[in-house]
């Protein structure tokens, strides 16, 4: 067994507190926004939101803008349980902005970009 592959991340695909490649890539973008003064700060997996008894949601990023707070979830692909928790959190905590971003190619020969998925109904 590979030492970095424990029972938790083999089952869930993520080790809490450690960024995967996609999260690290988005973190680079956030660092640039912070350096430009667009955002004040950001934290990775800093806040755990309670959705129900024994049910929690930990967004990938907590971002502090000058006028609001935002939670961002990054996804390579969307699993049903992640989408449900995201929607429930957005409904239970309406005073925060929630965004779920997917890194994908929009067109065949175009470079991949961050695309917002599971947008709020307007």
N, C-alpha and C. Protein backbone atom coordinates (compact mmCIF):
# COMPACT_ATOMS: atom_id res chain seq x y z
N UNK A 1 0.84 -1.19 0.00
CA UNK A 1 0.00 0.00 0.00
C UNK A 1 0.88 1.24 0.00
N UNK A 2 0.51 2.20 -0.80
CA UNK A 2 1.27 3.44 -0.88
C UNK A 2 1.06 4.24 0.40
N UNK A 3 2.11 4.82 1.00
CA UNK A 3 1.96 5.51 2.28
C UNK A 3 1.04 6.72 2.22
N UNK A 4 0.96 7.38 1.08
CA UNK A 4 0.10 8.57 0.98
C UNK A 4 -1.36 8.20 0.74
N UNK A 5 -1.63 6.92 0.48
CA UNK A 5 -3.00 6.50 0.18
C UNK A 5 -3.58 5.78 1.39
N UNK A 6 -4.18 6.53 2.30
CA UNK A 6 -4.76 5.91 3.48
C UNK A 6 -6.22 5.57 3.24
N UNK A 7 -6.86 4.98 4.23
CA UNK A 7 -8.25 4.55 4.08
C UNK A 7 -9.18 5.74 3.82
N UNK A 8 -8.91 6.90 4.45
CA UNK A 8 -9.80 8.06 4.28
C UNK A 8 -9.79 8.56 2.85
N UNK A 9 -8.61 8.90 2.30
CA UNK A 9 -8.62 9.50 0.97
C UNK A 9 -8.84 8.47 -0.14
N UNK A 10 -8.67 7.19 0.14
CA UNK A 10 -9.02 6.19 -0.86
C UNK A 10 -10.53 6.14 -1.02
N UNK A 11 -11.25 6.35 0.08
CA UNK A 11 -12.71 6.31 0.03
C UNK A 11 -13.30 7.64 -0.43
N UNK A 12 -12.73 8.75 0.04
CA UNK A 12 -13.31 10.06 -0.22
C UNK A 12 -12.55 10.89 -1.24
N UNK A 13 -11.32 10.53 -1.56
CA UNK A 13 -10.58 11.26 -2.58
C UNK A 13 -9.97 12.56 -2.11
N UNK A 14 -10.01 12.85 -0.81
CA UNK A 14 -9.46 14.11 -0.32
C UNK A 14 -9.01 13.95 1.13
N UNK A 15 -7.85 14.51 1.44
CA UNK A 15 -7.36 14.54 2.80
C UNK A 15 -7.64 15.93 3.35
N UNK A 16 -8.41 16.05 4.44
CA UNK A 16 -8.75 17.37 4.98
C UNK A 16 -7.51 18.20 5.27
N UNK A 17 -7.59 19.49 4.90
CA UNK A 17 -6.50 20.42 5.14
C UNK A 17 -5.41 20.43 4.09
N UNK A 18 -5.47 19.51 3.13
CA UNK A 18 -4.47 19.47 2.06
C UNK A 18 -5.14 19.74 0.73
N UNK A 19 -4.57 20.67 -0.03
CA UNK A 19 -5.14 21.02 -1.34
C UNK A 19 -4.77 19.96 -2.37
N UNK A 20 -5.74 19.67 -3.22
CA UNK A 20 -5.44 18.85 -4.39
C UNK A 20 -4.93 19.80 -5.49
N UNK A 21 -4.60 19.27 -6.65
CA UNK A 21 -4.04 20.11 -7.73
C UNK A 21 -5.02 21.20 -8.17
N UNK A 22 -6.28 20.87 -8.26
CA UNK A 22 -7.28 21.85 -8.70
C UNK A 22 -7.42 22.98 -7.69
N UNK A 23 -7.48 22.64 -6.41
CA UNK A 23 -7.58 23.65 -5.36
C UNK A 23 -6.32 24.52 -5.32
N UNK A 24 -5.16 23.91 -5.51
CA UNK A 24 -3.91 24.68 -5.53
C UNK A 24 -3.88 25.64 -6.71
N UNK A 25 -4.42 25.21 -7.82
CA UNK A 25 -4.48 26.07 -9.01
C UNK A 25 -5.39 27.27 -8.76
N UNK A 26 -6.54 27.04 -8.13
CA UNK A 26 -7.44 28.15 -7.83
C UNK A 26 -6.83 29.07 -6.76
N UNK A 27 -6.08 28.49 -5.84
CA UNK A 27 -5.40 29.27 -4.81
C UNK A 27 -4.42 30.26 -5.43
N UNK A 28 -3.74 29.85 -6.50
CA UNK A 28 -2.83 30.75 -7.22
C UNK A 28 -3.58 31.95 -7.77
N UNK A 29 -4.78 31.70 -8.28
CA UNK A 29 -5.61 32.78 -8.80
C UNK A 29 -6.01 33.73 -7.67
N UNK A 30 -6.35 33.16 -6.52
CA UNK A 30 -6.73 33.99 -5.37
C UNK A 30 -5.55 34.82 -4.86
N UNK A 31 -4.35 34.26 -4.90
CA UNK A 31 -3.16 35.02 -4.50
C UNK A 31 -2.97 36.24 -5.38
N UNK A 32 -3.22 36.07 -6.68
CA UNK A 32 -3.10 37.19 -7.62
C UNK A 32 -4.16 38.26 -7.33
N UNK A 33 -5.39 37.82 -7.01
CA UNK A 33 -6.46 38.77 -6.68
C UNK A 33 -6.14 39.52 -5.39
N UNK A 34 -5.53 38.83 -4.44
CA UNK A 34 -5.15 39.47 -3.18
C UNK A 34 -4.04 40.50 -3.42
N UNK A 35 -3.05 40.14 -4.23
CA UNK A 35 -1.94 41.05 -4.55
C UNK A 35 -2.44 42.30 -5.28
N UNK A 36 -3.49 42.12 -6.08
CA UNK A 36 -4.07 43.25 -6.82
C UNK A 36 -5.03 44.08 -5.97
N UNK A 37 -5.33 43.62 -4.75
CA UNK A 37 -6.22 44.35 -3.87
C UNK A 37 -7.70 44.14 -4.13
N UNK A 38 -8.02 43.15 -4.96
CA UNK A 38 -9.43 42.87 -5.27
C UNK A 38 -10.10 42.14 -4.11
N UNK A 39 -9.36 41.22 -3.50
CA UNK A 39 -9.86 40.56 -2.30
C UNK A 39 -8.93 40.92 -1.14
N UNK A 40 -9.47 40.90 0.07
CA UNK A 40 -8.66 41.22 1.25
C UNK A 40 -7.88 40.01 1.74
N UNK A 41 -8.52 38.83 1.70
CA UNK A 41 -7.86 37.63 2.16
C UNK A 41 -8.67 36.42 1.73
N UNK A 42 -8.09 35.24 1.91
CA UNK A 42 -8.79 33.99 1.66
C UNK A 42 -8.17 32.91 2.53
N UNK A 43 -8.95 31.90 2.84
CA UNK A 43 -8.49 30.77 3.64
C UNK A 43 -9.00 29.49 3.00
N UNK A 44 -8.20 28.44 3.11
CA UNK A 44 -8.57 27.13 2.59
C UNK A 44 -9.20 26.29 3.69
N UNK A 45 -10.39 25.76 3.43
CA UNK A 45 -11.12 24.89 4.36
C UNK A 45 -11.12 25.46 5.78
N UNK A 46 -11.40 26.74 5.91
CA UNK A 46 -11.32 27.42 7.20
C UNK A 46 -12.58 27.31 8.03
N UNK A 47 -13.71 27.08 7.39
CA UNK A 47 -14.99 27.13 8.10
C UNK A 47 -15.80 25.88 7.77
N UNK A 48 -16.39 25.31 8.81
CA UNK A 48 -17.26 24.14 8.66
C UNK A 48 -18.68 24.60 9.00
N UNK A 49 -19.61 24.43 8.07
CA UNK A 49 -20.99 24.84 8.26
C UNK A 49 -21.85 23.65 8.66
N UNK A 50 -22.64 23.80 9.71
CA UNK A 50 -23.53 22.72 10.14
C UNK A 50 -24.81 22.79 9.32
N UNK A 51 -25.15 21.69 8.68
CA UNK A 51 -26.36 21.62 7.86
C UNK A 51 -27.49 20.91 8.58
N UNK A 52 -27.16 19.92 9.38
CA UNK A 52 -28.14 19.14 10.16
C UNK A 52 -27.35 18.38 11.22
N UNK A 53 -28.05 17.61 12.04
CA UNK A 53 -27.34 16.79 13.03
C UNK A 53 -26.36 15.86 12.31
N UNK A 54 -25.12 15.91 12.72
CA UNK A 54 -24.06 15.07 12.16
C UNK A 54 -23.84 15.26 10.65
N UNK A 55 -24.24 16.40 10.12
CA UNK A 55 -24.03 16.69 8.70
C UNK A 55 -23.42 18.07 8.58
N UNK A 56 -22.23 18.11 8.00
CA UNK A 56 -21.48 19.35 7.86
C UNK A 56 -21.03 19.54 6.43
N UNK A 57 -20.73 20.80 6.09
CA UNK A 57 -20.21 21.14 4.77
C UNK A 57 -19.02 22.06 4.98
N UNK A 58 -17.88 21.69 4.42
CA UNK A 58 -16.68 22.50 4.49
C UNK A 58 -16.34 22.99 3.10
N UNK A 59 -16.64 24.26 2.79
CA UNK A 59 -16.29 24.79 1.46
C UNK A 59 -14.78 24.83 1.28
N UNK A 60 -14.34 24.74 0.04
CA UNK A 60 -12.90 24.77 -0.25
C UNK A 60 -12.27 26.08 0.19
N UNK A 61 -12.90 27.20 -0.16
CA UNK A 61 -12.30 28.50 0.12
C UNK A 61 -13.30 29.46 0.76
N UNK A 62 -12.82 30.19 1.74
CA UNK A 62 -13.55 31.31 2.34
C UNK A 62 -12.82 32.55 1.87
N UNK A 63 -13.53 33.43 1.15
CA UNK A 63 -12.90 34.61 0.55
C UNK A 63 -13.51 35.87 1.14
N UNK A 64 -12.63 36.80 1.53
CA UNK A 64 -13.06 38.07 2.11
C UNK A 64 -12.88 39.17 1.07
N UNK A 65 -14.00 39.72 0.61
CA UNK A 65 -13.99 40.88 -0.27
C UNK A 65 -14.19 42.13 0.59
N UNK A 66 -13.95 43.32 0.06
CA UNK A 66 -14.16 44.53 0.86
C UNK A 66 -15.60 44.69 1.34
N UNK A 67 -16.57 44.17 0.57
CA UNK A 67 -17.97 44.39 0.91
C UNK A 67 -18.79 43.12 1.18
N UNK A 68 -18.19 41.95 1.10
CA UNK A 68 -18.94 40.72 1.37
C UNK A 68 -17.99 39.54 1.58
N UNK A 69 -18.58 38.44 2.03
CA UNK A 69 -17.85 37.18 2.21
C UNK A 69 -18.38 36.18 1.20
N UNK A 70 -17.52 35.28 0.77
CA UNK A 70 -17.91 34.32 -0.25
C UNK A 70 -17.28 32.96 0.05
N UNK A 71 -18.04 31.90 -0.20
CA UNK A 71 -17.52 30.54 -0.13
C UNK A 71 -17.42 30.02 -1.56
N UNK A 72 -16.30 29.41 -1.89
CA UNK A 72 -16.10 28.85 -3.23
C UNK A 72 -15.75 27.38 -3.11
N UNK A 73 -16.42 26.58 -3.89
CA UNK A 73 -16.16 25.15 -4.00
C UNK A 73 -15.61 24.90 -5.39
N UNK A 74 -14.47 24.22 -5.50
CA UNK A 74 -13.89 23.90 -6.80
C UNK A 74 -14.12 22.43 -7.10
N UNK A 75 -14.46 22.14 -8.33
CA UNK A 75 -14.77 20.77 -8.73
C UNK A 75 -14.17 20.45 -10.09
N UNK A 76 -13.61 19.26 -10.20
CA UNK A 76 -13.22 18.74 -11.50
C UNK A 76 -14.44 18.10 -12.16
N UNK A 77 -15.25 17.46 -11.32
CA UNK A 77 -16.54 16.91 -11.74
C UNK A 77 -17.45 16.94 -10.52
N UNK A 78 -18.73 16.91 -10.73
CA UNK A 78 -19.70 17.07 -9.65
C UNK A 78 -20.34 15.74 -9.28
N UNK A 79 -20.20 15.38 -7.99
CA UNK A 79 -20.89 14.21 -7.47
C UNK A 79 -22.18 14.68 -6.81
N UNK A 80 -23.19 13.82 -6.79
CA UNK A 80 -24.51 14.20 -6.28
C UNK A 80 -24.47 14.72 -4.86
N UNK A 81 -23.76 14.05 -3.96
CA UNK A 81 -23.76 14.48 -2.55
C UNK A 81 -23.15 15.86 -2.38
N UNK A 82 -22.13 16.18 -3.15
CA UNK A 82 -21.51 17.51 -3.07
C UNK A 82 -22.47 18.59 -3.53
N UNK A 83 -23.22 18.31 -4.58
CA UNK A 83 -24.20 19.27 -5.08
C UNK A 83 -25.32 19.51 -4.09
N UNK A 84 -25.77 18.45 -3.43
CA UNK A 84 -26.86 18.57 -2.44
C UNK A 84 -26.40 19.39 -1.25
N UNK A 85 -25.23 19.07 -0.70
CA UNK A 85 -24.71 19.83 0.44
C UNK A 85 -24.51 21.30 0.08
N UNK A 86 -24.00 21.55 -1.10
CA UNK A 86 -23.79 22.93 -1.56
C UNK A 86 -25.11 23.70 -1.60
N UNK A 87 -26.14 23.09 -2.18
CA UNK A 87 -27.44 23.74 -2.28
C UNK A 87 -28.07 23.97 -0.91
N UNK A 88 -27.96 23.00 -0.02
CA UNK A 88 -28.51 23.14 1.34
C UNK A 88 -27.79 24.26 2.08
N UNK A 89 -26.47 24.31 1.98
CA UNK A 89 -25.70 25.37 2.64
C UNK A 89 -26.10 26.74 2.11
N UNK A 90 -26.27 26.86 0.81
CA UNK A 90 -26.66 28.13 0.20
C UNK A 90 -28.03 28.58 0.70
N UNK A 91 -28.95 27.63 0.91
CA UNK A 91 -30.29 27.96 1.42
C UNK A 91 -30.25 28.33 2.90
N UNK A 92 -29.45 27.61 3.70
CA UNK A 92 -29.42 27.84 5.14
C UNK A 92 -28.59 29.05 5.55
N UNK A 93 -27.68 29.47 4.70
CA UNK A 93 -26.80 30.61 5.00
C UNK A 93 -26.90 31.65 3.89
N UNK A 94 -28.07 32.30 3.74
CA UNK A 94 -28.28 33.21 2.62
C UNK A 94 -27.48 34.51 2.71
N UNK A 95 -26.89 34.81 3.86
CA UNK A 95 -26.13 36.04 4.01
C UNK A 95 -24.70 35.92 3.48
N UNK A 96 -24.31 34.73 3.02
CA UNK A 96 -23.03 34.54 2.35
C UNK A 96 -23.27 34.28 0.87
N UNK A 97 -22.29 34.59 0.05
CA UNK A 97 -22.35 34.21 -1.36
C UNK A 97 -21.68 32.84 -1.50
N UNK A 98 -22.27 31.99 -2.30
CA UNK A 98 -21.73 30.65 -2.56
C UNK A 98 -21.53 30.51 -4.07
N UNK A 99 -20.36 30.02 -4.45
CA UNK A 99 -20.08 29.75 -5.86
C UNK A 99 -19.43 28.38 -5.98
N UNK A 100 -19.88 27.60 -6.95
CA UNK A 100 -19.24 26.33 -7.26
C UNK A 100 -18.63 26.47 -8.64
N UNK A 101 -17.32 26.26 -8.71
CA UNK A 101 -16.59 26.44 -9.96
C UNK A 101 -16.04 25.11 -10.46
N UNK A 102 -16.13 24.92 -11.76
CA UNK A 102 -15.58 23.72 -12.39
C UNK A 102 -14.54 24.16 -13.41
N UNK A 103 -13.41 23.48 -13.41
CA UNK A 103 -12.34 23.79 -14.36
C UNK A 103 -12.51 22.86 -15.56
N UNK A 104 -12.89 23.44 -16.69
CA UNK A 104 -13.14 22.60 -17.86
C UNK A 104 -12.99 23.39 -19.14
N UNK A 105 -12.90 22.65 -20.23
CA UNK A 105 -12.84 23.27 -21.55
C UNK A 105 -14.26 23.55 -22.03
N UNK A 106 -14.46 24.77 -22.49
CA UNK A 106 -15.77 25.14 -23.03
C UNK A 106 -15.86 24.68 -24.49
N UNK A 107 -14.77 24.88 -25.23
CA UNK A 107 -14.72 24.45 -26.63
C UNK A 107 -13.54 23.50 -26.81
N UNK A 108 -13.60 22.71 -27.82
CA UNK A 108 -12.63 21.63 -28.02
C UNK A 108 -11.17 22.11 -28.01
N UNK A 109 -10.83 23.12 -28.76
CA UNK A 109 -9.44 23.57 -28.89
C UNK A 109 -9.10 24.75 -27.99
N UNK A 110 -10.03 25.15 -27.16
CA UNK A 110 -9.79 26.28 -26.26
C UNK A 110 -9.15 25.80 -24.96
N UNK A 111 -8.41 26.69 -24.28
CA UNK A 111 -7.85 26.28 -22.98
C UNK A 111 -8.97 26.14 -21.95
N UNK A 112 -8.72 25.35 -20.93
CA UNK A 112 -9.71 25.17 -19.86
C UNK A 112 -9.84 26.46 -19.06
N UNK A 113 -11.03 26.72 -18.55
CA UNK A 113 -11.30 27.91 -17.74
C UNK A 113 -12.21 27.53 -16.57
N UNK A 114 -12.29 28.42 -15.59
CA UNK A 114 -13.19 28.22 -14.46
C UNK A 114 -14.60 28.64 -14.88
N UNK A 115 -15.55 27.73 -14.73
CA UNK A 115 -16.94 27.97 -15.11
C UNK A 115 -17.81 27.76 -13.89
N UNK A 116 -18.74 28.68 -13.65
CA UNK A 116 -19.61 28.54 -12.50
C UNK A 116 -20.72 27.53 -12.82
N UNK A 117 -20.91 26.59 -11.89
CA UNK A 117 -21.97 25.60 -12.02
C UNK A 117 -22.88 25.72 -10.81
N UNK A 118 -24.06 25.17 -10.87
CA UNK A 118 -25.07 25.25 -9.80
C UNK A 118 -25.33 26.69 -9.37
N UNK A 119 -25.58 27.53 -10.36
CA UNK A 119 -25.84 28.94 -10.07
C UNK A 119 -27.18 29.10 -9.39
N UNK A 120 -27.27 30.19 -8.61
CA UNK A 120 -28.53 30.50 -7.94
C UNK A 120 -29.56 30.96 -8.97
N UNK A 121 -30.82 30.61 -8.73
CA UNK A 121 -31.90 31.08 -9.60
C UNK A 121 -32.06 32.57 -9.40
N UNK A 122 -32.24 33.30 -10.49
CA UNK A 122 -32.35 34.76 -10.38
C UNK A 122 -33.75 35.22 -10.59
